[in-house]
């Protein structure tokens, strides 16, 4: 059974940092595109970042502040979040796909984690 488990969320002040982790089990996710999405209350789930095929992709809103990375040996992906803002407050989800497609669309992904809450206080 394929499972993605996020961790590392929490409460942080504006300007602070957090590192989210997405641990994959059930299969090796090398060769997959791994994405991070977030969903704030009352809003649609939105793309944050993705990594795959030797490339990384970021939403404009997080470019320069967030960094996505991977550790294939641990089958884990990370999202380093710096200079956090209150508008970054959301539940953050990791996702995985091997189907290809547009990496920024939720419909492109087959596997999802349960989410981890990130709250940035002003």
N, C-alpha and C. Protein backbone atom coordinates (compact mmCIF):
# COMPACT_ATOMS: atom_id res chain seq x y z
N UNK A 1 0.83 -1.19 0.00
CA UNK A 1 0.00 0.00 0.00
C UNK A 1 0.88 1.25 0.00
N UNK A 2 0.63 2.13 -0.92
CA UNK A 2 1.41 3.36 -1.03
C UNK A 2 0.92 4.35 0.02
N UNK A 3 1.85 4.94 0.71
CA UNK A 3 1.49 5.92 1.73
C UNK A 3 2.47 7.08 1.73
N UNK A 4 1.94 8.29 1.85
CA UNK A 4 2.75 9.49 2.01
C UNK A 4 2.38 10.10 3.36
N UNK A 5 3.40 10.41 4.15
CA UNK A 5 3.14 10.96 5.48
C UNK A 5 3.93 12.25 5.63
N UNK A 6 3.21 13.35 5.85
CA UNK A 6 3.85 14.64 6.07
C UNK A 6 4.12 14.85 7.55
N UNK A 7 5.14 15.63 7.82
CA UNK A 7 5.43 16.04 9.19
C UNK A 7 6.19 17.36 9.14
N UNK A 8 6.31 17.99 10.31
CA UNK A 8 7.10 19.20 10.41
C UNK A 8 6.31 20.49 10.49
N UNK A 9 4.99 20.38 10.40
CA UNK A 9 4.18 21.59 10.52
C UNK A 9 4.17 22.11 11.94
N UNK A 10 3.61 23.30 12.09
CA UNK A 10 3.53 23.89 13.43
C UNK A 10 3.20 25.35 13.37
N UNK A 11 3.39 26.00 14.50
CA UNK A 11 3.13 27.43 14.65
C UNK A 11 4.45 28.17 14.66
N UNK A 12 4.55 29.21 13.84
CA UNK A 12 5.78 29.98 13.75
C UNK A 12 5.41 31.45 13.56
N UNK A 13 6.29 32.34 13.99
CA UNK A 13 6.05 33.77 13.81
C UNK A 13 6.44 34.21 12.41
N UNK A 14 5.90 35.32 12.01
CA UNK A 14 6.26 35.91 10.71
C UNK A 14 7.77 36.06 10.61
N UNK A 15 8.30 35.64 9.47
CA UNK A 15 9.74 35.68 9.26
C UNK A 15 10.48 34.42 9.67
N UNK A 16 9.78 33.53 10.32
CA UNK A 16 10.39 32.29 10.78
C UNK A 16 10.49 31.24 9.69
N UNK A 17 10.97 30.06 10.09
CA UNK A 17 11.21 28.97 9.15
C UNK A 17 10.64 27.66 9.68
N UNK A 18 10.28 26.80 8.74
CA UNK A 18 9.88 25.44 9.04
C UNK A 18 10.38 24.55 7.92
N UNK A 19 10.61 23.29 8.25
CA UNK A 19 10.94 22.31 7.21
C UNK A 19 9.93 21.17 7.29
N UNK A 20 9.21 21.01 6.20
CA UNK A 20 8.26 19.92 6.11
C UNK A 20 8.92 18.71 5.48
N UNK A 21 8.51 17.54 5.93
CA UNK A 21 9.00 16.29 5.37
C UNK A 21 7.84 15.48 4.83
N UNK A 22 8.11 14.73 3.77
CA UNK A 22 7.12 13.83 3.20
C UNK A 22 7.80 12.47 3.03
N UNK A 23 7.46 11.55 3.91
CA UNK A 23 8.06 10.22 3.88
C UNK A 23 7.15 9.30 3.09
N UNK A 24 7.73 8.60 2.13
CA UNK A 24 6.96 7.70 1.27
C UNK A 24 7.24 6.26 1.66
N UNK A 25 6.22 5.44 1.64
CA UNK A 25 6.38 4.02 1.91
C UNK A 25 5.52 3.23 0.94
N UNK A 26 5.85 1.99 0.77
CA UNK A 26 5.10 1.15 -0.13
C UNK A 26 5.76 0.98 -1.48
N UNK A 27 6.55 1.94 -1.87
CA UNK A 27 7.32 1.82 -3.11
C UNK A 27 8.38 2.90 -3.12
N UNK A 28 9.35 2.74 -3.99
CA UNK A 28 10.38 3.76 -4.16
C UNK A 28 9.85 4.83 -5.10
N UNK A 29 10.00 6.07 -4.70
CA UNK A 29 9.43 7.16 -5.47
C UNK A 29 10.44 7.87 -6.37
N UNK A 30 11.59 7.25 -6.55
CA UNK A 30 12.49 7.81 -7.57
C UNK A 30 11.81 7.63 -8.92
N UNK A 31 11.91 8.63 -9.76
CA UNK A 31 11.23 8.58 -11.04
C UNK A 31 9.83 9.20 -10.99
N UNK A 32 9.36 9.52 -9.80
CA UNK A 32 8.08 10.19 -9.65
C UNK A 32 8.29 11.69 -9.55
N UNK A 33 7.31 12.44 -9.96
CA UNK A 33 7.24 13.85 -9.63
C UNK A 33 6.55 13.97 -8.27
N UNK A 34 7.22 14.65 -7.35
CA UNK A 34 6.67 14.85 -6.02
C UNK A 34 6.31 16.32 -5.89
N UNK A 35 5.10 16.58 -5.44
CA UNK A 35 4.65 17.96 -5.31
C UNK A 35 4.22 18.30 -3.90
N UNK A 36 4.24 19.58 -3.61
CA UNK A 36 3.67 20.13 -2.38
C UNK A 36 2.55 21.08 -2.77
N UNK A 37 1.44 20.94 -2.09
CA UNK A 37 0.29 21.81 -2.28
C UNK A 37 -0.14 22.33 -0.92
N UNK A 38 -0.97 23.36 -0.91
CA UNK A 38 -1.49 23.85 0.36
C UNK A 38 -2.93 24.29 0.18
N UNK A 39 -3.66 24.26 1.28
CA UNK A 39 -5.06 24.66 1.25
C UNK A 39 -5.39 25.44 2.50
N UNK A 40 -5.76 26.70 2.30
CA UNK A 40 -6.18 27.54 3.40
C UNK A 40 -7.70 27.42 3.57
N UNK A 41 -8.21 27.74 4.75
CA UNK A 41 -9.66 27.64 4.98
C UNK A 41 -10.46 28.44 3.96
N UNK A 42 -11.44 27.81 3.35
CA UNK A 42 -12.30 28.47 2.39
C UNK A 42 -11.70 28.67 1.02
N UNK A 43 -10.50 28.14 0.80
CA UNK A 43 -9.84 28.31 -0.49
C UNK A 43 -9.56 26.96 -1.14
N UNK A 44 -9.31 27.00 -2.43
CA UNK A 44 -8.97 25.79 -3.15
C UNK A 44 -7.52 25.39 -2.85
N UNK A 45 -7.26 24.10 -3.03
CA UNK A 45 -5.89 23.62 -2.86
C UNK A 45 -5.04 24.21 -3.98
N UNK A 46 -3.88 24.74 -3.62
CA UNK A 46 -3.03 25.39 -4.61
C UNK A 46 -1.62 24.81 -4.62
N UNK A 47 -1.01 24.88 -5.78
CA UNK A 47 0.34 24.39 -5.99
C UNK A 47 1.34 25.25 -5.24
N UNK A 48 2.34 24.57 -4.64
CA UNK A 48 3.43 25.27 -3.97
C UNK A 48 4.76 25.00 -4.67
N UNK A 49 5.11 23.71 -4.82
CA UNK A 49 6.40 23.36 -5.40
C UNK A 49 6.35 21.91 -5.86
N UNK A 50 7.27 21.57 -6.77
CA UNK A 50 7.37 20.19 -7.25
C UNK A 50 8.82 19.90 -7.62
N UNK A 51 9.16 18.61 -7.57
CA UNK A 51 10.50 18.18 -7.94
C UNK A 51 10.39 16.88 -8.70
N UNK A 52 11.15 16.80 -9.80
CA UNK A 52 11.13 15.58 -10.60
C UNK A 52 11.96 15.75 -11.86
N UNK A 53 12.53 14.68 -12.33
CA UNK A 53 13.30 14.74 -13.56
C UNK A 53 14.48 15.68 -13.49
N UNK A 54 15.00 15.88 -12.28
CA UNK A 54 16.14 16.76 -12.11
C UNK A 54 15.79 18.24 -12.07
N UNK A 55 14.51 18.55 -12.07
CA UNK A 55 14.08 19.94 -12.07
C UNK A 55 13.20 20.24 -10.86
N UNK A 56 13.18 21.51 -10.51
CA UNK A 56 12.29 21.98 -9.45
C UNK A 56 11.40 23.09 -9.99
N UNK A 57 10.23 23.19 -9.41
CA UNK A 57 9.23 24.16 -9.87
C UNK A 57 8.60 24.80 -8.63
N UNK A 58 8.30 26.08 -8.74
CA UNK A 58 7.74 26.81 -7.61
C UNK A 58 6.62 27.73 -8.05
N UNK A 59 5.66 27.89 -7.17
CA UNK A 59 4.66 28.93 -7.38
C UNK A 59 5.33 30.28 -7.18
N UNK A 60 4.85 31.28 -7.89
CA UNK A 60 5.45 32.61 -7.79
C UNK A 60 5.41 33.13 -6.36
N UNK A 61 4.38 32.77 -5.62
CA UNK A 61 4.20 33.29 -4.28
C UNK A 61 5.25 32.79 -3.28
N UNK A 62 5.95 31.70 -3.62
CA UNK A 62 6.92 31.15 -2.68
C UNK A 62 8.34 31.17 -3.26
N UNK A 63 8.48 31.55 -4.50
CA UNK A 63 9.79 31.53 -5.15
C UNK A 63 10.77 32.41 -4.38
N UNK A 64 11.94 31.87 -4.11
CA UNK A 64 12.95 32.62 -3.37
C UNK A 64 12.85 32.43 -1.87
N UNK A 65 11.74 31.88 -1.39
CA UNK A 65 11.56 31.67 0.06
C UNK A 65 11.51 30.17 0.40
N UNK A 66 10.94 29.37 -0.48
CA UNK A 66 10.79 27.94 -0.24
C UNK A 66 11.76 27.17 -1.12
N UNK A 67 12.22 26.02 -0.62
CA UNK A 67 13.11 25.15 -1.38
C UNK A 67 12.64 23.71 -1.23
N UNK A 68 12.42 23.06 -2.35
CA UNK A 68 12.03 21.65 -2.35
C UNK A 68 13.27 20.82 -2.62
N UNK A 69 13.40 19.70 -1.92
CA UNK A 69 14.56 18.84 -2.11
C UNK A 69 14.14 17.39 -1.85
N UNK A 70 15.07 16.48 -2.08
CA UNK A 70 14.75 15.07 -1.92
C UNK A 70 15.95 14.31 -1.37
N UNK A 71 15.64 13.22 -0.70
CA UNK A 71 16.65 12.27 -0.24
C UNK A 71 16.16 10.91 -0.70
N UNK A 72 16.69 10.45 -1.83
CA UNK A 72 16.20 9.18 -2.39
C UNK A 72 16.51 8.00 -1.48
N UNK A 73 17.62 8.09 -0.77
CA UNK A 73 17.98 6.99 0.13
C UNK A 73 16.95 6.80 1.23
N UNK A 74 16.34 7.90 1.65
CA UNK A 74 15.32 7.85 2.69
C UNK A 74 13.91 7.85 2.12
N UNK A 75 13.81 7.94 0.79
CA UNK A 75 12.50 8.01 0.13
C UNK A 75 11.67 9.15 0.71
N UNK A 76 12.32 10.26 0.90
CA UNK A 76 11.70 11.41 1.57
C UNK A 76 11.93 12.67 0.76
N UNK A 77 10.93 13.51 0.75
CA UNK A 77 11.03 14.84 0.12
C UNK A 77 10.84 15.88 1.20
N UNK A 78 11.43 17.05 0.97
CA UNK A 78 11.39 18.11 1.96
C UNK A 78 10.91 19.41 1.34
N UNK A 79 10.36 20.25 2.18
CA UNK A 79 10.03 21.61 1.77
C UNK A 79 10.56 22.54 2.86
N UNK A 80 11.65 23.20 2.57
CA UNK A 80 12.22 24.19 3.48
C UNK A 80 11.51 25.51 3.24
N UNK A 81 10.91 26.05 4.28
CA UNK A 81 10.13 27.28 4.14
C UNK A 81 10.77 28.36 5.01
N UNK A 82 11.26 29.40 4.37
CA UNK A 82 11.88 30.52 5.07
C UNK A 82 11.07 31.79 4.86
N UNK A 83 11.34 32.78 5.68
CA UNK A 83 10.67 34.08 5.58
C UNK A 83 9.15 33.91 5.50
N UNK A 84 8.63 33.12 6.40
CA UNK A 84 7.20 32.80 6.35
C UNK A 84 6.34 34.01 6.63
N UNK A 85 5.19 34.03 5.98
CA UNK A 85 4.24 35.13 6.09
C UNK A 85 2.90 34.58 6.56
N UNK A 86 2.06 35.42 7.13
CA UNK A 86 0.73 34.93 7.57
C UNK A 86 -0.06 34.30 6.43
N UNK A 87 0.12 34.78 5.22
CA UNK A 87 -0.61 34.22 4.08
C UNK A 87 -0.12 32.84 3.67
N UNK A 88 0.96 32.36 4.29
CA UNK A 88 1.42 30.99 4.07
C UNK A 88 0.66 30.00 4.96
N UNK A 89 -0.17 30.50 5.87
CA UNK A 89 -0.93 29.64 6.76
C UNK A 89 -1.88 28.76 5.95
N UNK A 90 -1.77 27.45 6.16
CA UNK A 90 -2.57 26.49 5.40
C UNK A 90 -2.24 25.09 5.88
N UNK A 91 -3.03 24.13 5.40
CA UNK A 91 -2.64 22.73 5.52
C UNK A 91 -1.81 22.39 4.29
N UNK A 92 -0.65 21.83 4.52
CA UNK A 92 0.27 21.50 3.43
C UNK A 92 0.21 20.00 3.16
N UNK A 93 0.10 19.66 1.87
CA UNK A 93 -0.02 18.27 1.44
C UNK A 93 1.12 17.93 0.48
N UNK A 94 1.65 16.72 0.61
CA UNK A 94 2.56 16.25 -0.42
C UNK A 94 1.81 15.27 -1.30
N UNK A 95 2.27 15.14 -2.53
CA UNK A 95 1.60 14.31 -3.52
C UNK A 95 2.64 13.73 -4.47
N UNK A 96 2.27 12.64 -5.14
CA UNK A 96 3.21 11.97 -6.04
C UNK A 96 2.48 11.49 -7.29
N UNK A 97 3.21 11.52 -8.40
CA UNK A 97 2.67 11.03 -9.66
C UNK A 97 3.77 10.53 -10.56
N UNK A 98 3.44 9.56 -11.39
CA UNK A 98 4.36 9.11 -12.41
C UNK A 98 3.72 9.24 -13.79
N UNK A 99 2.50 9.82 -13.78
CA UNK A 99 1.74 9.85 -15.03
C UNK A 99 2.18 10.95 -15.96
N UNK A 100 2.91 11.91 -15.46
CA UNK A 100 3.20 13.09 -16.26
C UNK A 100 2.04 14.05 -16.17
N UNK A 101 2.01 15.04 -17.00
CA UNK A 101 0.97 16.05 -16.94
C UNK A 101 1.50 17.33 -16.33
N UNK A 102 0.60 18.23 -16.09
CA UNK A 102 0.99 19.53 -15.55
C UNK A 102 1.25 19.39 -14.05
N UNK A 103 2.47 19.65 -13.64
CA UNK A 103 2.88 19.40 -12.25
C UNK A 103 2.17 20.29 -11.25
N UNK A 104 1.60 21.38 -11.74
CA UNK A 104 0.96 22.32 -10.82
C UNK A 104 -0.53 22.04 -10.61
N UNK A 105 -1.04 21.02 -11.24
CA UNK A 105 -2.47 20.70 -11.12
C UNK A 105 -2.68 19.51 -10.17
N UNK A 106 -3.64 19.63 -9.29
CA UNK A 106 -3.92 18.54 -8.35
C UNK A 106 -4.34 17.28 -9.10
N UNK A 107 -5.01 17.43 -10.21
CA UNK A 107 -5.50 16.28 -10.97
C UNK A 107 -4.38 15.43 -11.58
N UNK A 108 -3.16 15.96 -11.59
CA UNK A 108 -2.03 15.22 -12.15
C UNK A 108 -1.46 14.19 -11.18
N UNK A 109 -1.88 14.25 -9.92
CA UNK A 109 -1.27 13.44 -8.88
C UNK A 109 -2.16 12.28 -8.45
N UNK A 110 -1.53 11.13 -8.20
CA UNK A 110 -2.25 9.92 -7.83
C UNK A 110 -2.26 9.65 -6.33
N UNK A 111 -1.22 10.06 -5.65
CA UNK A 111 -1.08 9.74 -4.24
C UNK A 111 -0.96 11.03 -3.43
N UNK A 112 -1.63 11.03 -2.28
CA UNK A 112 -1.66 12.22 -1.42
C UNK A 112 -1.44 11.83 0.04
N UNK A 113 -0.76 12.71 0.76
CA UNK A 113 -0.65 12.55 2.19
C UNK A 113 -1.85 13.14 2.89
N UNK A 114 -1.84 13.05 4.22
CA UNK A 114 -2.98 13.51 5.01
C UNK A 114 -2.91 14.99 5.35
N UNK A 115 -1.76 15.59 5.15
CA UNK A 115 -1.61 17.02 5.38
C UNK A 115 -1.00 17.34 6.73
N UNK A 116 -0.33 18.47 6.81
CA UNK A 116 0.22 18.97 8.06
C UNK A 116 -0.06 20.47 8.14
N UNK A 117 -0.50 20.92 9.30
CA UNK A 117 -0.90 22.32 9.47
C UNK A 117 0.30 23.22 9.68
N UNK A 118 0.33 24.31 8.94
CA UNK A 118 1.32 25.36 9.13
C UNK A 118 0.57 26.64 9.46
N UNK A 119 0.91 27.24 10.59
CA UNK A 119 0.28 28.48 11.01
C UNK A 119 1.35 29.53 11.25
N UNK A 120 1.23 30.65 10.58
CA UNK A 120 2.19 31.74 10.72
C UNK A 120 1.48 32.90 11.40
N UNK A 121 1.96 33.26 12.58
CA UNK A 121 1.33 34.34 13.33
C UNK A 121 1.96 35.68 12.97
N UNK A 122 1.13 36.71 12.99
CA UNK A 122 1.62 38.04 12.63
C UNK A 122 2.14 38.78 13.86
